[in-house]
Amino acid sequence: IIDLGCSRILTSGQQPKADMGIDLLKTLVDIAGERIIIMPGSGVNEHNISEIATSTGAKEFHFSAREPIESGMIYRNPNLKMGGTSVVINEFEEQVTSSEKVRSTIEALGN
C-alpha cells in the first residue's frame, strides 16, 4: 500500500467499532511508524477518542459526529415503509454532522 503511494489507512482494527479493535490498531500504528498513517475510524466519538488515541498512539481519526434531524418530508404515508418491512430505518429523519459534536470530540483529545 505504501509503494502504491497511499499516505494513510482508514481501519477499525478489523472490528465493528474502532474501540473494539484497539489491540490491532496499536500493532498497526507501531508497525507503520512514520511510513504511513493508521487512521482509526468507525464509532469514534467524544466518549472514546481519548482512550483510542492513548491506547494506540494514533494521531489522526475519522469520525462522523452525526446526529439525527427531522426530515423536511411533508407527506408521510404511515402504511408504506421505504425499503420494505424488514428494514428498520426512520425515514423521517436525516443524519447530519453536528458542529458541537465535532468540537467536543476534538476537545476530548485534550490537544
N, C-alpha and C. Protein backbone atom coordinates (compact mmCIF):
# COMPACT_ATOMS: atom_id res chain seq x y z
N ILE A 1 0.83 -1.18 0.00
CA ILE A 1 0.00 0.00 0.00
C ILE A 1 0.87 1.24 0.00
N ILE A 2 1.94 1.21 0.76
CA ILE A 2 2.86 2.34 0.80
C ILE A 2 3.48 2.54 -0.57
N ASP A 3 3.90 1.44 -1.21
CA ASP A 3 4.52 1.53 -2.53
C ASP A 3 3.56 2.07 -3.59
N LEU A 4 2.27 1.93 -3.35
CA LEU A 4 1.27 2.47 -4.28
C LEU A 4 1.06 3.96 -4.10
N GLY A 5 1.65 4.54 -3.07
CA GLY A 5 1.55 5.98 -2.85
C GLY A 5 0.49 6.40 -1.86
N CYS A 6 -0.12 5.44 -1.19
CA CYS A 6 -1.14 5.78 -0.19
C CYS A 6 -0.45 6.38 1.03
N SER A 7 -1.08 7.40 1.61
CA SER A 7 -0.47 8.05 2.77
C SER A 7 -1.13 7.67 4.09
N ARG A 8 -2.32 7.04 4.02
CA ARG A 8 -2.99 6.62 5.25
C ARG A 8 -3.92 5.45 4.99
N ILE A 9 -4.20 4.71 6.06
CA ILE A 9 -5.13 3.59 6.01
C ILE A 9 -6.22 3.85 7.05
N LEU A 10 -7.46 3.88 6.60
CA LEU A 10 -8.61 4.01 7.49
C LEU A 10 -9.05 2.62 7.90
N THR A 11 -9.06 2.34 9.21
CA THR A 11 -9.40 0.99 9.68
C THR A 11 -10.02 1.04 11.07
N SER A 12 -10.84 0.04 11.33
CA SER A 12 -11.42 -0.13 12.67
C SER A 12 -10.66 -1.21 13.43
N GLY A 13 -9.56 -1.67 12.89
CA GLY A 13 -8.82 -2.75 13.53
C GLY A 13 -9.52 -4.09 13.35
N GLN A 14 -10.18 -4.24 12.22
CA GLN A 14 -10.91 -5.47 11.87
C GLN A 14 -12.02 -5.80 12.87
N GLN A 15 -12.60 -4.78 13.46
CA GLN A 15 -13.72 -4.96 14.39
C GLN A 15 -14.86 -4.03 13.96
N PRO A 16 -16.08 -4.29 14.45
CA PRO A 16 -17.20 -3.42 14.07
C PRO A 16 -16.99 -1.96 14.44
N LYS A 17 -16.30 -1.70 15.54
CA LYS A 17 -16.03 -0.34 16.01
C LYS A 17 -14.57 -0.23 16.41
N ALA A 18 -13.99 0.95 16.21
CA ALA A 18 -12.56 1.14 16.47
C ALA A 18 -12.18 0.86 17.92
N ASP A 19 -13.05 1.20 18.87
CA ASP A 19 -12.68 0.95 20.26
C ASP A 19 -12.64 -0.54 20.60
N MET A 20 -13.20 -1.37 19.73
CA MET A 20 -13.12 -2.82 19.91
C MET A 20 -11.86 -3.38 19.24
N GLY A 21 -11.23 -2.59 18.37
CA GLY A 21 -10.06 -3.04 17.64
C GLY A 21 -8.76 -2.42 18.11
N ILE A 22 -8.76 -1.92 19.34
CA ILE A 22 -7.60 -1.19 19.86
C ILE A 22 -6.31 -1.99 19.78
N ASP A 23 -6.33 -3.26 20.11
CA ASP A 23 -5.09 -4.05 20.10
C ASP A 23 -4.46 -4.10 18.72
N LEU A 24 -5.26 -4.39 17.70
CA LEU A 24 -4.71 -4.44 16.34
C LEU A 24 -4.34 -3.05 15.86
N LEU A 25 -5.13 -2.04 16.20
CA LEU A 25 -4.79 -0.67 15.80
C LEU A 25 -3.43 -0.27 16.36
N LYS A 26 -3.16 -0.59 17.61
CA LYS A 26 -1.86 -0.28 18.21
C LYS A 26 -0.74 -1.00 17.46
N THR A 27 -0.95 -2.27 17.16
CA THR A 27 0.05 -3.03 16.41
C THR A 27 0.31 -2.38 15.06
N LEU A 28 -0.75 -1.99 14.37
CA LEU A 28 -0.60 -1.36 13.05
C LEU A 28 0.13 -0.03 13.14
N VAL A 29 -0.22 0.78 14.15
CA VAL A 29 0.46 2.07 14.33
C VAL A 29 1.95 1.83 14.60
N ASP A 30 2.26 0.86 15.44
CA ASP A 30 3.66 0.56 15.76
C ASP A 30 4.43 0.09 14.52
N ILE A 31 3.83 -0.80 13.75
CA ILE A 31 4.48 -1.32 12.54
C ILE A 31 4.63 -0.23 11.49
N ALA A 32 3.62 0.61 11.35
CA ALA A 32 3.63 1.66 10.32
C ALA A 32 4.69 2.71 10.58
N GLY A 33 4.91 3.02 11.84
CA GLY A 33 5.88 4.06 12.17
C GLY A 33 5.54 5.36 11.46
N GLU A 34 6.54 5.95 10.83
CA GLU A 34 6.35 7.21 10.10
C GLU A 34 6.08 6.97 8.62
N ARG A 35 6.00 5.69 8.21
CA ARG A 35 5.87 5.38 6.78
C ARG A 35 4.46 5.61 6.24
N ILE A 36 3.44 5.38 7.06
CA ILE A 36 2.06 5.55 6.63
C ILE A 36 1.23 5.81 7.89
N ILE A 37 0.17 6.58 7.74
CA ILE A 37 -0.71 6.93 8.87
C ILE A 37 -1.79 5.86 9.01
N ILE A 38 -1.96 5.36 10.22
CA ILE A 38 -3.07 4.47 10.54
C ILE A 38 -4.14 5.35 11.18
N MET A 39 -5.30 5.43 10.54
CA MET A 39 -6.38 6.30 10.99
C MET A 39 -7.55 5.46 11.51
N PRO A 40 -7.71 5.37 12.84
CA PRO A 40 -8.86 4.64 13.38
C PRO A 40 -10.17 5.32 12.99
N GLY A 41 -11.14 4.50 12.64
CA GLY A 41 -12.46 5.01 12.30
C GLY A 41 -13.51 3.95 12.57
N SER A 42 -14.73 4.37 12.69
CA SER A 42 -15.93 3.57 12.95
C SER A 42 -16.29 3.65 14.42
N GLY A 43 -17.27 4.44 14.72
CA GLY A 43 -17.74 4.59 16.09
C GLY A 43 -16.89 5.49 16.95
N VAL A 44 -15.96 6.22 16.35
CA VAL A 44 -15.12 7.15 17.11
C VAL A 44 -15.97 8.35 17.50
N ASN A 45 -15.95 8.70 18.79
CA ASN A 45 -16.76 9.82 19.26
C ASN A 45 -16.10 10.47 20.47
N GLU A 46 -16.79 11.47 21.03
CA GLU A 46 -16.23 12.22 22.15
C GLU A 46 -16.05 11.36 23.40
N HIS A 47 -16.72 10.23 23.47
CA HIS A 47 -16.62 9.37 24.65
C HIS A 47 -15.46 8.38 24.59
N ASN A 48 -14.96 8.08 23.38
CA ASN A 48 -13.91 7.05 23.29
C ASN A 48 -12.65 7.48 22.56
N ILE A 49 -12.63 8.67 21.98
CA ILE A 49 -11.47 9.07 21.17
C ILE A 49 -10.20 9.18 22.02
N SER A 50 -10.32 9.65 23.25
CA SER A 50 -9.14 9.79 24.10
C SER A 50 -8.52 8.42 24.41
N GLU A 51 -9.37 7.45 24.73
CA GLU A 51 -8.86 6.10 25.01
C GLU A 51 -8.23 5.48 23.77
N ILE A 52 -8.86 5.67 22.61
CA ILE A 52 -8.31 5.13 21.37
C ILE A 52 -6.96 5.77 21.08
N ALA A 53 -6.87 7.08 21.25
CA ALA A 53 -5.61 7.78 20.99
C ALA A 53 -4.51 7.33 21.95
N THR A 54 -4.83 7.28 23.21
CA THR A 54 -3.84 6.89 24.23
C THR A 54 -3.40 5.44 24.06
N SER A 55 -4.34 4.57 23.79
CA SER A 55 -4.04 3.14 23.70
C SER A 55 -3.32 2.74 22.42
N THR A 56 -3.55 3.48 21.34
CA THR A 56 -2.99 3.08 20.04
C THR A 56 -1.80 3.91 19.60
N GLY A 57 -1.73 5.15 20.06
CA GLY A 57 -0.70 6.06 19.56
C GLY A 57 -1.08 6.72 18.25
N ALA A 58 -2.30 6.50 17.79
CA ALA A 58 -2.76 7.12 16.54
C ALA A 58 -2.85 8.63 16.72
N LYS A 59 -2.62 9.36 15.63
CA LYS A 59 -2.63 10.83 15.65
C LYS A 59 -3.77 11.42 14.82
N GLU A 60 -4.34 10.63 13.92
CA GLU A 60 -5.45 11.10 13.08
C GLU A 60 -6.61 10.13 13.25
N PHE A 61 -7.83 10.67 13.20
CA PHE A 61 -9.03 9.88 13.44
C PHE A 61 -10.12 10.24 12.45
N HIS A 62 -10.96 9.27 12.13
CA HIS A 62 -12.10 9.50 11.25
C HIS A 62 -13.36 9.35 12.09
N PHE A 63 -14.21 10.37 12.08
CA PHE A 63 -15.49 10.27 12.79
C PHE A 63 -16.52 11.14 12.09
N SER A 64 -17.79 10.76 12.23
CA SER A 64 -18.85 11.48 11.53
C SER A 64 -19.48 12.56 12.39
N ALA A 65 -19.46 12.42 13.69
CA ALA A 65 -20.09 13.38 14.61
C ALA A 65 -21.53 13.67 14.19
N ARG A 66 -22.22 12.64 13.78
CA ARG A 66 -23.56 12.86 13.24
C ARG A 66 -24.63 12.79 14.32
N GLU A 67 -25.72 13.45 14.00
CA GLU A 67 -26.90 13.42 14.84
C GLU A 67 -28.13 13.48 13.95
N PRO A 68 -29.23 12.93 14.43
CA PRO A 68 -30.44 12.95 13.60
C PRO A 68 -31.15 14.30 13.67
N ILE A 69 -31.70 14.70 12.53
CA ILE A 69 -32.59 15.86 12.50
C ILE A 69 -33.86 15.44 11.77
N GLU A 70 -34.91 16.13 12.04
CA GLU A 70 -36.20 15.84 11.41
C GLU A 70 -36.11 16.10 9.91
N SER A 71 -36.62 15.17 9.14
CA SER A 71 -36.66 15.29 7.68
C SER A 71 -37.60 16.42 7.27
N GLY A 72 -37.34 17.00 6.13
CA GLY A 72 -38.22 18.01 5.57
C GLY A 72 -39.40 17.41 4.83
N MET A 73 -39.50 16.09 4.85
CA MET A 73 -40.58 15.41 4.14
C MET A 73 -41.94 15.88 4.67
N ILE A 74 -42.80 16.30 3.75
CA ILE A 74 -44.11 16.80 4.14
C ILE A 74 -45.14 15.67 4.18
N TYR A 75 -45.24 14.92 3.09
CA TYR A 75 -46.22 13.83 3.04
C TYR A 75 -45.62 12.59 3.66
N ARG A 76 -46.31 12.00 4.60
CA ARG A 76 -45.83 10.80 5.28
C ARG A 76 -46.94 9.76 5.28
N ASN A 77 -46.69 8.69 4.57
CA ASN A 77 -47.66 7.60 4.49
C ASN A 77 -47.32 6.57 5.56
N PRO A 78 -48.12 6.48 6.61
CA PRO A 78 -47.81 5.55 7.70
C PRO A 78 -48.01 4.08 7.31
N ASN A 79 -48.63 3.83 6.16
CA ASN A 79 -48.91 2.46 5.72
C ASN A 79 -47.84 1.87 4.82
N LEU A 80 -46.87 2.67 4.43
CA LEU A 80 -45.85 2.21 3.48
C LEU A 80 -44.47 2.60 3.98
N LYS A 81 -43.61 1.62 4.12
CA LYS A 81 -42.23 1.86 4.56
C LYS A 81 -41.29 1.70 3.38
N MET A 82 -40.41 2.65 3.20
CA MET A 82 -39.40 2.56 2.15
C MET A 82 -38.40 1.48 2.56
N GLY A 83 -38.05 0.61 1.65
CA GLY A 83 -37.10 -0.45 1.94
C GLY A 83 -37.76 -1.73 2.42
N GLY A 84 -39.08 -1.76 2.44
CA GLY A 84 -39.77 -2.98 2.84
C GLY A 84 -40.10 -3.01 4.32
N THR A 85 -40.54 -4.14 4.77
CA THR A 85 -40.99 -4.26 6.16
C THR A 85 -39.90 -4.76 7.11
N SER A 86 -38.84 -5.35 6.57
CA SER A 86 -37.80 -5.90 7.45
C SER A 86 -36.70 -4.89 7.76
N VAL A 87 -36.69 -3.75 7.09
CA VAL A 87 -35.67 -2.73 7.30
C VAL A 87 -36.16 -1.75 8.36
N VAL A 88 -35.34 -1.54 9.39
CA VAL A 88 -35.72 -0.61 10.45
C VAL A 88 -34.94 0.68 10.26
N ILE A 89 -35.55 1.61 9.56
CA ILE A 89 -34.93 2.91 9.29
C ILE A 89 -35.99 3.97 9.57
N ASN A 90 -35.63 4.99 10.31
CA ASN A 90 -36.55 6.10 10.48
C ASN A 90 -36.42 6.97 9.24
N GLU A 91 -37.35 6.82 8.34
CA GLU A 91 -37.25 7.54 7.08
C GLU A 91 -37.69 8.98 7.19
N PHE A 92 -38.07 9.41 8.37
CA PHE A 92 -38.49 10.79 8.57
C PHE A 92 -37.43 11.61 9.31
N GLU A 93 -36.20 11.12 9.30
CA GLU A 93 -35.09 11.88 9.84
C GLU A 93 -33.87 11.70 8.96
N GLU A 94 -32.94 12.63 9.08
CA GLU A 94 -31.68 12.59 8.33
C GLU A 94 -30.54 12.64 9.34
N GLN A 95 -29.40 12.12 8.94
CA GLN A 95 -28.20 12.20 9.77
C GLN A 95 -27.31 13.31 9.21
N VAL A 96 -26.95 14.26 10.06
CA VAL A 96 -26.10 15.37 9.65
C VAL A 96 -24.95 15.52 10.64
N THR A 97 -23.87 16.12 10.20
CA THR A 97 -22.73 16.36 11.08
C THR A 97 -23.05 17.51 12.02
N SER A 98 -22.82 17.29 13.29
CA SER A 98 -23.06 18.29 14.32
C SER A 98 -21.76 19.02 14.63
N SER A 99 -21.75 20.33 14.46
CA SER A 99 -20.53 21.09 14.76
C SER A 99 -20.19 20.98 16.25
N GLU A 100 -21.19 20.88 17.11
CA GLU A 100 -20.93 20.72 18.54
C GLU A 100 -20.27 19.37 18.83
N LYS A 101 -20.72 18.31 18.16
CA LYS A 101 -20.09 17.00 18.36
C LYS A 101 -18.66 17.00 17.82
N VAL A 102 -18.43 17.67 16.71
CA VAL A 102 -17.07 17.79 16.18
C VAL A 102 -16.19 18.48 17.21
N ARG A 103 -16.67 19.61 17.72
CA ARG A 103 -15.92 20.38 18.72
C ARG A 103 -15.64 19.54 19.98
N SER A 104 -16.67 18.88 20.50
CA SER A 104 -16.47 18.12 21.75
C SER A 104 -15.57 16.90 21.54
N THR A 105 -15.62 16.31 20.36
CA THR A 105 -14.74 15.17 20.08
C THR A 105 -13.29 15.62 20.00
N ILE A 106 -13.05 16.73 19.34
CA ILE A 106 -11.68 17.27 19.26
C ILE A 106 -11.20 17.68 20.65
N GLU A 107 -12.07 18.33 21.42
CA GLU A 107 -11.70 18.75 22.78
C GLU A 107 -11.39 17.56 23.67
N ALA A 108 -12.06 16.44 23.44
CA ALA A 108 -11.83 15.24 24.25
C ALA A 108 -10.41 14.70 24.08
N LEU A 109 -9.77 15.06 22.98
CA LEU A 109 -8.37 14.65 22.78
C LEU A 109 -7.43 15.43 23.69
N GLY A 110 -7.87 16.60 24.14
CA GLY A 110 -7.04 17.40 25.03
C GLY A 110 -5.91 18.12 24.33
N ASN A 111 -6.01 18.27 23.01
CA ASN A 111 -4.96 18.97 22.25
C ASN A 111 -5.24 20.44 22.16
